[in-house]
């Protein structure tokens, strides 16, 4: 079907929070062939407020299930946190809807597996997860440099992702600290595993240790670690040290360093700056060529895949989501049991 301004691709939004308002909605509204026709949120009142401010012609659904089954919706855009991703995806696919799912894929590997299996039953429907913006600008250059052997054979990987977002003990538990909402997702673990897999290949083994620094937040007992340290092995033989924290005062910028037999490559995620140093030489900043620089085209890529069956399917797809969810699950098990976990 050819979608136009007169016959638009109809998108229903489940979960109309900050990420939808700030990132997805402006891009979707900028496409004349797209129309937001329905919205459901955590409360009917908040859905109406979203509708009135941003999409006055959209229908408000009190129940997200009704939106996922609506005849007035072609695409279900799941902007809710991970707790709803699996259920909303399964119902939407069963009712013939394409599905875009906000990151992270699901609360745990079991839910992710059900989503992936459902996508296999409906191959004609487009499914995708929102990609990590971290490293998007220079990711193609990183892959090119590694493939060309710019640092030789990678053998050691160091990632740090620190913030002080959870350092104030008087603050209530963020939804990312609630197991019922976020599941096994810890800080930026899943985000950076997605990035590392894209650049270095699969992680095949993990050990993990972390802790809850502030266990009680206004009566809620926190289980998700405030900081996490992961030792990992990659299929290519490299070993990694991944450090995450939400309780680090004066935290440095997120950074990845890859050390190889012939040099070192460093990615500053705050600046999207790549530094390369050859063995025996000095570190130098490498400019990202315009033909390799990737910008945010997530919404347009998904819409294009729906409209044109011959277009490339957007990434990450549910298979890639399963790959990083296997690591997220293994890290949780490794932390609980204190033993190394293999990921076959």
C-alpha atoms as a PDB file:
ATOM      1  CA  UNK A   1       0.000   0.000   0.000  1.00  0.00           C
ATOM      2  CA  UNK A   2       1.224   3.501  -0.839  1.00  0.00           C
ATOM      3  CA  UNK A   3       0.959   5.721   2.218  1.00  0.00           C
ATOM      4  CA  UNK A   4       0.415   9.435   1.587  1.00  0.00           C
ATOM      5  CA  UNK A   5      -0.844  12.493   3.454  1.00  0.00           C
ATOM      6  CA  UNK A   6      -4.347  11.486   2.313  1.00  0.00           C
ATOM      7  CA  UNK A   7      -3.870   7.815   3.229  1.00  0.00           C
ATOM      8  CA  UNK A   8      -1.286   7.945   6.022  1.00  0.00           C
ATOM      9  CA  UNK A   9       0.483   5.231   7.946  1.00  0.00           C
ATOM     10  CA  UNK A  10      -1.435   5.200  11.224  1.00  0.00           C
ATOM     11  CA  UNK A  11       0.605   4.984  14.403  1.00  0.00           C
ATOM     12  CA  UNK A  12      -0.711   4.289  17.884  1.00  0.00           C
ATOM     13  CA  UNK A  13       1.506   5.163  20.846  1.00  0.00           C
ATOM     14  CA  UNK A  14       1.503   3.095  24.038  1.00  0.00           C
ATOM     15  CA  UNK A  15       3.424   5.005  26.679  1.00  0.00           C
ATOM     16  CA  UNK A  16       3.749   8.716  25.937  1.00  0.00           C
ATOM     17  CA  UNK A  17       6.560   9.723  28.266  1.00  0.00           C
ATOM     18  CA  UNK A  18       9.607  11.934  27.899  1.00  0.00           C
ATOM     19  CA  UNK A  19      11.484   9.906  25.302  1.00  0.00           C
ATOM     20  CA  UNK A  20       8.435   9.845  23.032  1.00  0.00           C
ATOM     21  CA  UNK A  21       7.779  13.576  23.450  1.00  0.00           C
ATOM     22  CA  UNK A  22      11.372  14.686  22.995  1.00  0.00           C
ATOM     23  CA  UNK A  23      12.757  12.256  20.449  1.00  0.00           C
ATOM     24  CA  UNK A  24      10.204  10.128  18.580  1.00  0.00           C
ATOM     25  CA  UNK A  25       7.177  12.389  18.224  1.00  0.00           C
ATOM     26  CA  UNK A  26       8.880  15.343  16.472  1.00  0.00           C
ATOM     27  CA  UNK A  27      10.396  13.018  13.870  1.00  0.00           C
ATOM     28  CA  UNK A  28       7.139  11.138  13.282  1.00  0.00           C
ATOM     29  CA  UNK A  29       5.107  14.329  12.942  1.00  0.00           C
ATOM     30  CA  UNK A  30       7.594  15.675  10.403  1.00  0.00           C
ATOM     31  CA  UNK A  31       6.695  12.885   7.955  1.00  0.00           C
ATOM     32  CA  UNK A  32       3.622  13.771   5.853  1.00  0.00           C
ATOM     33  CA  UNK A  33       2.860  10.097   5.211  1.00  0.00           C
ATOM     34  CA  UNK A  34       2.495   9.409   8.956  1.00  0.00           C
ATOM     35  CA  UNK A  35      -0.385  10.179  11.305  1.00  0.00           C
ATOM     36  CA  UNK A  36      -0.593   9.582  15.061  1.00  0.00           C
ATOM     37  CA  UNK A  37      -4.109   8.178  15.372  1.00  0.00           C
ATOM     38  CA  UNK A  38      -4.200   6.773  18.912  1.00  0.00           C
ATOM     39  CA  UNK A  39      -2.543   7.080  22.289  1.00  0.00           C
ATOM     40  CA  UNK A  40      -2.650   5.196  25.592  1.00  0.00           C
ATOM     41  CA  UNK A  41      -0.630   6.142  28.636  1.00  0.00           C
ATOM     42  CA  UNK A  42      -0.232   5.187  32.295  1.00  0.00           C
ATOM     43  CA  UNK A  43      -3.462   7.057  33.054  1.00  0.00           C
ATOM     44  CA  UNK A  44      -6.306   8.213  30.854  1.00  0.00           C
ATOM     45  CA  UNK A  45      -5.811  11.767  32.104  1.00  0.00           C
ATOM     46  CA  UNK A  46      -2.162  11.823  31.032  1.00  0.00           C
ATOM     47  CA  UNK A  47      -3.082  10.327  27.653  1.00  0.00           C
ATOM     48  CA  UNK A  48      -5.644  13.085  27.138  1.00  0.00           C
ATOM     49  CA  UNK A  49      -3.115  15.730  28.148  1.00  0.00           C
ATOM     50  CA  UNK A  50      -0.630  14.311  25.632  1.00  0.00           C
ATOM     51  CA  UNK A  51      -3.316  14.205  22.948  1.00  0.00           C
ATOM     52  CA  UNK A  52      -4.444  17.775  23.603  1.00  0.00           C
ATOM     53  CA  UNK A  53      -0.910  19.166  23.517  1.00  0.00           C
ATOM     54  CA  UNK A  54       0.666  17.178  20.689  1.00  0.00           C
ATOM     55  CA  UNK A  55      -1.804  15.177  18.569  1.00  0.00           C
ATOM     56  CA  UNK A  56      -5.293  16.716  18.890  1.00  0.00           C
ATOM     57  CA  UNK A  57      -6.843  14.384  16.308  1.00  0.00           C
ATOM     58  CA  UNK A  58      -5.715  11.168  18.003  1.00  0.00           C
ATOM     59  CA  UNK A  59      -8.082   8.841  19.837  1.00  0.00           C
ATOM     60  CA  UNK A  60      -7.408   8.253  23.524  1.00  0.00           C
ATOM     61  CA  UNK A  61      -7.641   4.657  24.742  1.00  0.00           C
ATOM     62  CA  UNK A  62      -8.168   3.918  28.414  1.00  0.00           C
ATOM     63  CA  UNK A  63      -6.710   0.436  27.915  1.00  0.00           C
ATOM     64  CA  UNK A  64      -3.514  -0.093  25.958  1.00  0.00           C
ATOM     65  CA  UNK A  65      -4.879  -3.479  24.862  1.00  0.00           C
ATOM     66  CA  UNK A  66      -7.647  -1.735  22.918  1.00  0.00           C
ATOM     67  CA  UNK A  67      -5.094   0.377  21.074  1.00  0.00           C
ATOM     68  CA  UNK A  68      -3.043  -2.713  20.162  1.00  0.00           C
ATOM     69  CA  UNK A  69      -6.173  -4.241  18.588  1.00  0.00           C
ATOM     70  CA  UNK A  70      -7.548  -1.063  16.989  1.00  0.00           C
ATOM     71  CA  UNK A  71      -8.558  -1.127  13.332  1.00  0.00           C
ATOM     72  CA  UNK A  72      -7.389   2.499  13.175  1.00  0.00           C
ATOM     73  CA  UNK A  73      -3.743   1.592  13.871  1.00  0.00           C
ATOM     74  CA  UNK A  74      -1.108   0.109  11.523  1.00  0.00           C
ATOM     75  CA  UNK A  75       1.925   0.487  13.791  1.00  0.00           C
ATOM     76  CA  UNK A  76       2.111   0.124  17.565  1.00  0.00           C
ATOM     77  CA  UNK A  77       4.834   2.358  18.969  1.00  0.00           C
ATOM     78  CA  UNK A  78       5.687   1.054  22.450  1.00  0.00           C
ATOM     79  CA  UNK A  79       7.200   3.908  24.447  1.00  0.00           C
ATOM     80  CA  UNK A  80       6.450   2.362  27.845  1.00  0.00           C
ATOM     81  CA  UNK A  81       9.224   0.935  30.098  1.00  0.00           C
ATOM     82  CA  UNK A  82      10.337  -2.715  29.736  1.00  0.00           C
ATOM     83  CA  UNK A  83       7.527  -4.171  31.891  1.00  0.00           C
ATOM     84  CA  UNK A  84       5.047  -3.711  29.032  1.00  0.00           C
ATOM     85  CA  UNK A  85       7.228  -4.526  26.033  1.00  0.00           C
ATOM     86  CA  UNK A  86       6.508  -8.237  25.837  1.00  0.00           C
ATOM     87  CA  UNK A  87       2.749  -8.156  26.367  1.00  0.00           C
ATOM     88  CA  UNK A  88       2.194  -5.185  24.062  1.00  0.00           C
ATOM     89  CA  UNK A  89       4.367  -6.673  21.321  1.00  0.00           C
ATOM     90  CA  UNK A  90       2.654 -10.074  21.402  1.00  0.00           C
ATOM     91  CA  UNK A  91      -0.840  -8.586  21.259  1.00  0.00           C
ATOM     92  CA  UNK A  92       0.050  -6.076  18.551  1.00  0.00           C
ATOM     93  CA  UNK A  93       1.668  -8.694  16.303  1.00  0.00           C
ATOM     94  CA  UNK A  94      -1.251 -11.078  16.767  1.00  0.00           C
ATOM     95  CA  UNK A  95      -3.507  -8.272  15.528  1.00  0.00           C
ATOM     96  CA  UNK A  96      -1.449  -7.551  12.421  1.00  0.00           C
ATOM     97  CA  UNK A  97       0.425  -4.473  13.653  1.00  0.00           C
ATOM     98  CA  UNK A  98       4.033  -3.551  13.012  1.00  0.00           C
ATOM     99  CA  UNK A  99       5.878  -2.921  16.300  1.00  0.00           C
ATOM    100  CA  UNK A 100       8.523  -0.425  17.321  1.00  0.00           C
ATOM    101  CA  UNK A 101       9.710  -0.992  20.877  1.00  0.00           C
ATOM    102  CA  UNK A 102      11.550   1.494  23.035  1.00  0.00           C
ATOM    103  CA  UNK A 103      14.846   0.235  24.477  1.00  0.00           C
ATOM    104  CA  UNK A 104      15.593  -2.015  26.411  1.00  0.00           C
ATOM    105  CA  UNK A 105      13.999  -5.059  24.765  1.00  0.00           C
ATOM    106  CA  UNK A 106      12.352  -6.642  27.817  1.00  0.00           C
ATOM    107  CA  UNK A 107      12.681  -7.291  31.540  1.00  0.00           C
ATOM    108  CA  UNK A 108      14.437 -10.618  31.120  1.00  0.00           C
ATOM    109  CA  UNK A 109      15.522 -13.197  28.568  1.00  0.00           C
ATOM    110  CA  UNK A 110      12.281 -15.176  28.827  1.00  0.00           C
ATOM    111  CA  UNK A 111      10.187 -12.185  27.777  1.00  0.00           C
ATOM    112  CA  UNK A 112      12.644 -11.309  25.029  1.00  0.00           C
ATOM    113  CA  UNK A 113      12.443 -14.866  23.720  1.00  0.00           C
ATOM    114  CA  UNK A 114       8.668 -14.725  23.507  1.00  0.00           C
ATOM    115  CA  UNK A 115       8.888 -11.463  21.545  1.00  0.00           C
ATOM    116  CA  UNK A 116      11.441 -12.902  19.137  1.00  0.00           C
ATOM    117  CA  UNK A 117       9.420 -16.087  18.590  1.00  0.00           C
ATOM    118  CA  UNK A 118       6.297 -14.027  17.894  1.00  0.00           C
ATOM    119  CA  UNK A 119       8.187 -11.945  15.323  1.00  0.00           C
ATOM    120  CA  UNK A 120       9.158 -15.166  13.535  1.00  0.00           C
ATOM    121  CA  UNK A 121       5.476 -16.125  13.262  1.00  0.00           C
ATOM    122  CA  UNK A 122       4.718 -12.822  11.510  1.00  0.00           C
ATOM    123  CA  UNK A 123       7.693 -12.198   9.197  1.00  0.00           C
ATOM    124  CA  UNK A 124       5.653  -9.802   7.060  1.00  0.00           C
ATOM    125  CA  UNK A 125       5.416  -7.393   9.997  1.00  0.00           C
ATOM    126  CA  UNK A 126       8.296  -5.045  10.793  1.00  0.00           C
ATOM    127  CA  UNK A 127       9.649  -5.252  14.341  1.00  0.00           C
ATOM    128  CA  UNK A 128      12.505  -3.256  15.817  1.00  0.00           C
ATOM    129  CA  UNK A 129      13.944  -1.938  19.059  1.00  0.00           C
ATOM    130  CA  UNK A 130      15.086   1.634  19.523  1.00  0.00           C
ATOM    131  CA  UNK A 131      18.865   1.679  19.022  1.00  0.00           C
ATOM    132  CA  UNK A 132      21.308   3.055  21.552  1.00  0.00           C
ATOM    133  CA  UNK A 133      22.336   6.605  20.646  1.00  0.00           C
ATOM    134  CA  UNK A 134      25.697   6.019  22.328  1.00  0.00           C
ATOM    135  CA  UNK A 135      28.369   5.714  19.678  1.00  0.00           C
ATOM    136  CA  UNK A 136      25.926   6.184  16.810  1.00  0.00           C
ATOM    137  CA  UNK A 137      27.848   9.041  15.202  1.00  0.00           C
ATOM    138  CA  UNK A 138      31.194   7.283  14.972  1.00  0.00           C
ATOM    139  CA  UNK A 139      30.232   3.626  15.105  1.00  0.00           C
ATOM    140  CA  UNK A 140      30.812   2.935  11.406  1.00  0.00           C
ATOM    141  CA  UNK A 141      34.301   4.432  11.618  1.00  0.00           C
ATOM    142  CA  UNK A 142      35.118   2.316  14.689  1.00  0.00           C
ATOM    143  CA  UNK A 143      34.063  -0.841  12.862  1.00  0.00           C
ATOM    144  CA  UNK A 144      36.093   0.176   9.796  1.00  0.00           C
ATOM    145  CA  UNK A 145      39.213   0.874  11.853  1.00  0.00           C
ATOM    146  CA  UNK A 146      38.956  -2.432  13.693  1.00  0.00           C
ATOM    147  CA  UNK A 147      38.297  -4.374  10.472  1.00  0.00           C
ATOM    148  CA  UNK A 148      41.334  -2.757   8.831  1.00  0.00           C
ATOM    149  CA  UNK A 149      43.533  -3.727  11.772  1.00  0.00           C
ATOM    150  CA  UNK A 150      44.230  -0.177  12.917  1.00  0.00           C
ATOM    151  CA  UNK A 151      45.109  -1.483  16.405  1.00  0.00           C
ATOM    152  CA  UNK A 152      46.004  -5.009  15.365  1.00  0.00           C
ATOM    153  CA  UNK A 153      44.281  -7.794  17.278  1.00  0.00           C
ATOM    154  CA  UNK A 154      42.095  -6.445  20.117  1.00  0.00           C
ATOM    155  CA  UNK A 155      42.922  -8.105  23.410  1.00  0.00           C
ATOM    156  CA  UNK A 156      41.694  -5.815  26.203  1.00  0.00           C
ATOM    157  CA  UNK A 157      38.533  -3.727  26.464  1.00  0.00           C
ATOM    158  CA  UNK A 158      37.698  -1.198  29.170  1.00  0.00           C
ATOM    159  CA  UNK A 159      34.306   0.515  29.413  1.00  0.00           C
ATOM    160  CA  UNK A 160      33.204   2.991  32.075  1.00  0.00           C
ATOM    161  CA  UNK A 161      29.708   4.443  32.416  1.00  0.00           C
ATOM    162  CA  UNK A 162      29.287   6.433  35.623  1.00  0.00           C
ATOM    163  CA  UNK A 163      26.799   8.992  36.894  1.00  0.00           C
ATOM    164  CA  UNK A 164      25.527  10.378  40.192  1.00  0.00           C
ATOM    165  CA  UNK A 165      21.843  10.053  39.278  1.00  0.00           C
ATOM    166  CA  UNK A 166      21.120   7.701  42.206  1.00  0.00           C
ATOM    167  CA  UNK A 167      23.455   9.226  44.774  1.00  0.00           C
ATOM    168  CA  UNK A 168      20.838  11.269  46.659  1.00  0.00           C
ATOM    169  CA  UNK A 169      19.320   8.931  49.309  1.00  0.00           C
ATOM    170  CA  UNK A 170      16.272  11.164  49.750  1.00  0.00           C
ATOM    171  CA  UNK A 171      15.041  10.601  46.208  1.00  0.00           C
ATOM    172  CA  UNK A 172      12.374   7.947  45.543  1.00  0.00           C
ATOM    173  CA  UNK A 173      13.295   4.863  43.552  1.00  0.00           C
ATOM    174  CA  UNK A 174      13.535   5.647  39.850  1.00  0.00           C
ATOM    175  CA  UNK A 175      11.578   3.278  37.609  1.00  0.00           C
ATOM    176  CA  UNK A 176      14.920   1.935  36.412  1.00  0.00           C
ATOM    177  CA  UNK A 177      15.547   0.796  40.003  1.00  0.00           C
ATOM    178  CA  UNK A 178      12.296  -1.154  40.210  1.00  0.00           C
ATOM    179  CA  UNK A 179      12.499  -4.827  39.257  1.00  0.00           C
ATOM    180  CA  UNK A 180       8.789  -4.979  38.433  1.00  0.00           C
ATOM    181  CA  UNK A 181       9.229  -2.251  35.813  1.00  0.00           C
ATOM    182  CA  UNK A 182      12.802  -2.612  34.565  1.00  0.00           C
ATOM    183  CA  UNK A 183      13.448  -6.280  35.279  1.00  0.00           C
ATOM    184  CA  UNK A 184      17.085  -7.362  35.115  1.00  0.00           C
ATOM    185  CA  UNK A 185      18.207  -4.212  33.321  1.00  0.00           C
ATOM    186  CA  UNK A 186      20.949  -2.480  35.316  1.00  0.00           C
ATOM    187  CA  UNK A 187      21.982   1.104  34.575  1.00  0.00           C
ATOM    188  CA  UNK A 188      23.453   1.263  31.028  1.00  0.00           C
ATOM    189  CA  UNK A 189      24.561  -2.388  30.862  1.00  0.00           C
ATOM    190  CA  UNK A 190      22.171  -3.413  28.078  1.00  0.00           C
ATOM    191  CA  UNK A 191      22.847  -0.251  26.087  1.00  0.00           C
ATOM    192  CA  UNK A 192      26.589  -0.757  26.023  1.00  0.00           C
ATOM    193  CA  UNK A 193      26.410  -4.498  25.418  1.00  0.00           C
ATOM    194  CA  UNK A 194      24.430  -3.638  22.276  1.00  0.00           C
ATOM    195  CA  UNK A 195      27.202  -1.233  21.225  1.00  0.00           C
ATOM    196  CA  UNK A 196      30.024  -3.652  22.087  1.00  0.00           C
ATOM    197  CA  UNK A 197      28.376  -6.485  20.166  1.00  0.00           C
ATOM    198  CA  UNK A 198      28.133  -4.263  17.106  1.00  0.00           C
ATOM    199  CA  UNK A 199      31.801  -3.284  17.250  1.00  0.00           C
ATOM    200  CA  UNK A 200      33.562  -6.308  18.736  1.00  0.00           C
ATOM    201  CA  UNK A 201      31.219  -9.266  18.342  1.00  0.00           C
ATOM    202  CA  UNK A 202      29.428 -11.360  20.939  1.00  0.00           C
ATOM    203  CA  UNK A 203      30.256 -11.559  24.617  1.00  0.00           C
ATOM    204  CA  UNK A 204      30.505 -15.251  25.509  1.00  0.00           C
ATOM    205  CA  UNK A 205      31.378 -15.265  29.203  1.00  0.00           C
ATOM    206  CA  UNK A 206      30.729 -13.022  32.198  1.00  0.00           C
ATOM    207  CA  UNK A 207      31.544 -12.618  35.864  1.00  0.00           C
ATOM    208  CA  UNK A 208      29.769  -9.913  37.838  1.00  0.00           C
ATOM    209  CA  UNK A 209      29.780  -8.125  41.142  1.00  0.00           C
ATOM    210  CA  UNK A 210      27.723  -5.163  42.278  1.00  0.00           C
ATOM    211  CA  UNK A 211      25.921  -3.693  45.234  1.00  0.00           C
ATOM    212  CA  UNK A 212      22.938  -1.668  46.343  1.00  0.00           C
ATOM    213  CA  UNK A 213      24.368   1.345  48.175  1.00  0.00           C
ATOM    214  CA  UNK A 214      21.028   2.880  49.169  1.00  0.00           C
ATOM    215  CA  UNK A 215      18.710  -0.093  49.859  1.00  0.00           C
ATOM    216  CA  UNK A 216      15.634   1.796  51.032  1.00  0.00           C
ATOM    217  CA  UNK A 217      14.076   4.633  49.076  1.00  0.00           C
ATOM    218  CA  UNK A 218      10.963   6.057  50.689  1.00  0.00           C
ATOM    219  CA  UNK A 219       9.835   2.597  51.785  1.00  0.00           C
ATOM    220  CA  UNK A 220      10.771   0.781  48.587  1.00  0.00           C
ATOM    221  CA  UNK A 221      13.440  -1.924  48.969  1.00  0.00           C
ATOM    222  CA  UNK A 222      15.835  -1.587  46.034  1.00  0.00           C
ATOM    223  CA  UNK A 223      17.244  -4.767  44.487  1.00  0.00           C
ATOM    224  CA  UNK A 224      18.808  -3.442  41.284  1.00  0.00           C
ATOM    225  CA  UNK A 225      22.504  -2.638  41.919  1.00  0.00           C
ATOM    226  CA  UNK A 226      23.597   0.977  42.297  1.00  0.00           C
ATOM    227  CA  UNK A 227      26.930  -0.021  40.764  1.00  0.00           C
ATOM    228  CA  UNK A 228      28.058  -3.042  38.774  1.00  0.00           C
ATOM    229  CA  UNK A 229      31.414  -4.438  37.669  1.00  0.00           C
ATOM    230  CA  UNK A 230      31.522  -7.023  34.890  1.00  0.00           C
ATOM    231  CA  UNK A 231      34.442  -9.084  33.630  1.00  0.00           C
ATOM    232  CA  UNK A 232      33.697 -10.544  30.209  1.00  0.00           C
ATOM    233  CA  UNK A 233      35.184 -12.470  27.306  1.00  0.00           C
ATOM    234  CA  UNK A 234      34.394 -11.889  23.640  1.00  0.00           C
ATOM    235  CA  UNK A 235      34.165 -14.535  20.959  1.00  0.00           C
ATOM    236  CA  UNK A 236      37.159 -12.944  19.211  1.00  0.00           C
ATOM    237  CA  UNK A 237      39.345 -13.644  22.258  1.00  0.00           C
ATOM    238  CA  UNK A 238      39.382 -10.155  23.760  1.00  0.00           C
ATOM    239  CA  UNK A 239      38.694  -9.684  27.459  1.00  0.00           C
ATOM    240  CA  UNK A 240      36.749  -6.805  28.907  1.00  0.00           C
ATOM    241  CA  UNK A 241      36.233  -4.873  32.128  1.00  0.00           C
ATOM    242  CA  UNK A 242      32.874  -3.074  32.144  1.00  0.00           C
ATOM    243  CA  UNK A 243      32.070  -0.687  35.008  1.00  0.00           C
ATOM    244  CA  UNK A 244      28.720   0.967  35.663  1.00  0.00           C
ATOM    245  CA  UNK A 245      27.568   3.246  38.458  1.00  0.00           C
ATOM    246  CA  UNK A 246      24.657   5.497  39.343  1.00  0.00           C
ATOM    247  CA  UNK A 247      26.292   6.624  42.608  1.00  0.00           C
ATOM    248  CA  UNK A 248      29.583   8.111  41.392  1.00  0.00           C
ATOM    249  CA  UNK A 249      30.098  11.737  42.392  1.00  0.00           C
ATOM    250  CA  UNK A 250      32.145  13.811  39.931  1.00  0.00           C
ATOM    251  CA  UNK A 251      31.803  11.004  37.420  1.00  0.00           C
ATOM    252  CA  UNK A 252      34.021  11.015  34.318  1.00  0.00           C
ATOM    253  CA  UNK A 253      32.448  10.900  30.874  1.00  0.00           C
ATOM    254  CA  UNK A 254      31.412   7.536  29.436  1.00  0.00           C
ATOM    255  CA  UNK A 255      34.371   6.077  27.595  1.00  0.00           C
ATOM    256  CA  UNK A 256      35.467   2.901  25.836  1.00  0.00           C
ATOM    257  CA  UNK A 257      39.120   1.945  25.344  1.00  0.00           C
ATOM    258  CA  UNK A 258      40.102  -0.956  23.095  1.00  0.00           C
ATOM    259  CA  UNK A 259      43.734  -2.060  23.387  1.00  0.00           C
ATOM    260  CA  UNK A 260      45.236  -4.203  20.664  1.00  0.00           C
ATOM    261  CA  UNK A 261      48.518  -5.695  19.534  1.00  0.00           C
ATOM    262  CA  UNK A 262      49.352  -2.612  17.455  1.00  0.00           C
ATOM    263  CA  UNK A 263      47.735   0.243  19.361  1.00  0.00           C
ATOM    264  CA  UNK A 264      44.756   1.682  21.218  1.00  0.00           C
ATOM    265  CA  UNK A 265      41.396   3.080  20.145  1.00  0.00           C
ATOM    266  CA  UNK A 266      39.358   5.253  22.528  1.00  0.00           C
ATOM    267  CA  UNK A 267      35.760   6.409  22.091  1.00  0.00           C
ATOM    268  CA  UNK A 268      34.481   9.341  24.169  1.00  0.00           C
ATOM    269  CA  UNK A 269      30.703   8.892  24.151  1.00  0.00           C
ATOM    270  CA  UNK A 270      29.965  12.373  25.492  1.00  0.00           C
ATOM    271  CA  UNK A 271      31.835  14.068  22.645  1.00  0.00           C
ATOM    272  CA  UNK A 272      31.530  11.346  19.977  1.00  0.00           C
ATOM    273  CA  UNK A 273      35.296  11.706  19.701  1.00  0.00           C
ATOM    274  CA  UNK A 274      37.594   8.918  18.505  1.00  0.00           C
ATOM    275  CA  UNK A 275      41.254   8.785  19.508  1.00  0.00           C
ATOM    276  CA  UNK A 276      43.718   6.392  17.908  1.00  0.00           C
ATOM    277  CA  UNK A 277      47.298   5.626  18.856  1.00  0.00           C
ATOM    278  CA  UNK A 278      49.717   3.238  17.182  1.00  0.00           C
ATOM    279  CA  UNK A 279      52.177   1.191  19.217  1.00  0.00           C
ATOM    280  CA  UNK A 280      55.165   3.425  19.925  1.00  0.00           C
ATOM    281  CA  UNK A 281      53.355   6.542  18.700  1.00  0.00           C
ATOM    282  CA  UNK A 282      51.062   9.136  20.247  1.00  0.00           C
ATOM    283  CA  UNK A 283      47.300   9.299  20.564  1.00  0.00           C
ATOM    284  CA  UNK A 284      45.602  11.432  17.924  1.00  0.00           C
ATOM    285  CA  UNK A 285      41.983  12.434  17.395  1.00  0.00           C
ATOM    286  CA  UNK A 286      40.503  10.918  14.239  1.00  0.00           C
ATOM    287  CA  UNK A 287      37.840  12.944  12.443  1.00  0.00           C
ATOM    288  CA  UNK A 288      34.664  11.068  11.521  1.00  0.00           C
ATOM    289  CA  UNK A 289      34.230  11.283   7.715  1.00  0.00           C
ATOM    290  CA  UNK A 290      30.831  12.578   6.700  1.00  0.00           C
ATOM    291  CA  UNK A 291      30.140   9.502   4.603  1.00  0.00           C
ATOM    292  CA  UNK A 292      30.592   7.332   7.716  1.00  0.00           C
ATOM    293  CA  UNK A 293      28.915   9.627  10.242  1.00  0.00           C
ATOM    294  CA  UNK A 294      25.486   8.344  11.215  1.00  0.00           C
ATOM    295  CA  UNK A 295      22.761  10.674  12.434  1.00  0.00           C
ATOM    296  CA  UNK A 296      19.478   9.927  14.169  1.00  0.00           C
ATOM    297  CA  UNK A 297      17.120   8.567  11.490  1.00  0.00           C
ATOM    298  CA  UNK A 298      15.459   5.910  13.654  1.00  0.00           C
ATOM    299  CA  UNK A 299      11.837   6.873  13.046  1.00  0.00           C
ATOM    300  CA  UNK A 300      12.285   7.396   9.308  1.00  0.00           C
ATOM    301  CA  UNK A 301      14.143   4.072   8.953  1.00  0.00           C
ATOM    302  CA  UNK A 302      11.301   2.213  10.638  1.00  0.00           C
ATOM    303  CA  UNK A 303       8.579   3.944   8.619  1.00  0.00           C
ATOM    304  CA  UNK A 304      10.482   3.308   5.388  1.00  0.00           C
ATOM    305  CA  UNK A 305      10.692  -0.420   6.169  1.00  0.00           C
ATOM    306  CA  UNK A 306       6.935  -0.573   6.778  1.00  0.00           C
ATOM    307  CA  UNK A 307       6.063   1.354   3.638  1.00  0.00           C
ATOM    308  CA  UNK A 308       8.561  -0.375   1.341  1.00  0.00           C
ATOM    309  CA  UNK A 309       8.853  -4.179   1.779  1.00  0.00           C
ATOM    310  CA  UNK A 310      12.105  -4.048  -0.207  1.00  0.00           C
ATOM    311  CA  UNK A 311      13.774  -1.629   2.188  1.00  0.00           C
ATOM    312  CA  UNK A 312      16.293  -2.768   4.768  1.00  0.00           C
ATOM    313  CA  UNK A 313      14.804  -3.813   8.084  1.00  0.00           C
ATOM    314  CA  UNK A 314      15.758  -1.424  10.889  1.00  0.00           C
ATOM    315  CA  UNK A 315      18.316  -2.368  13.518  1.00  0.00           C
ATOM    316  CA  UNK A 316      18.491  -3.537  16.197  1.00  0.00           C
ATOM    317  CA  UNK A 317      15.939  -6.191  15.374  1.00  0.00           C
ATOM    318  CA  UNK A 318      14.676  -8.755  17.870  1.00  0.00           C
ATOM    319  CA  UNK A 319      17.574 -11.103  17.111  1.00  0.00           C
ATOM    320  CA  UNK A 320      20.074  -8.442  18.126  1.00  0.00           C
ATOM    321  CA  UNK A 321      17.919  -7.726  21.155  1.00  0.00           C
ATOM    322  CA  UNK A 322      18.107 -11.381  22.127  1.00  0.00           C
ATOM    323  CA  UNK A 323      21.895 -11.251  21.867  1.00  0.00           C
ATOM    324  CA  UNK A 324      22.256  -8.490  24.422  1.00  0.00           C
ATOM    325  CA  UNK A 325      19.446  -9.853  26.605  1.00  0.00           C
ATOM    326  CA  UNK A 326      21.393 -13.119  26.924  1.00  0.00           C
ATOM    327  CA  UNK A 327      24.252 -11.115  28.399  1.00  0.00           C
ATOM    328  CA  UNK A 328      21.956  -9.121  30.703  1.00  0.00           C
ATOM    329  CA  UNK A 329      20.477 -12.400  31.990  1.00  0.00           C
ATOM    330  CA  UNK A 330      23.896 -14.015  32.424  1.00  0.00           C
ATOM    331  CA  UNK A 331      25.190 -11.006  34.358  1.00  0.00           C
ATOM    332  CA  UNK A 332      22.218 -11.212  36.740  1.00  0.00           C
ATOM    333  CA  UNK A 333      22.811 -14.935  37.314  1.00  0.00           C
ATOM    334  CA  UNK A 334      26.564 -14.422  37.757  1.00  0.00           C
ATOM    335  CA  UNK A 335      26.007 -11.754  40.368  1.00  0.00           C
ATOM    336  CA  UNK A 336      23.480 -13.857  42.261  1.00  0.00           C
ATOM    337  CA  UNK A 337      25.548 -17.052  42.338  1.00  0.00           C
ATOM    338  CA  UNK A 338      29.041 -15.566  42.313  1.00  0.00           C
ATOM    339  CA  UNK A 339      30.143 -17.861  39.523  1.00  0.00           C
ATOM    340  CA  UNK A 340      31.301 -17.333  35.946  1.00  0.00           C
ATOM    341  CA  UNK A 341      28.536 -17.759  33.342  1.00  0.00           C
ATOM    342  CA  UNK A 342      29.066 -19.052  29.823  1.00  0.00           C
ATOM    343  CA  UNK A 343      26.886 -17.692  27.013  1.00  0.00           C
ATOM    344  CA  UNK A 344      26.854 -20.229  24.197  1.00  0.00           C
END
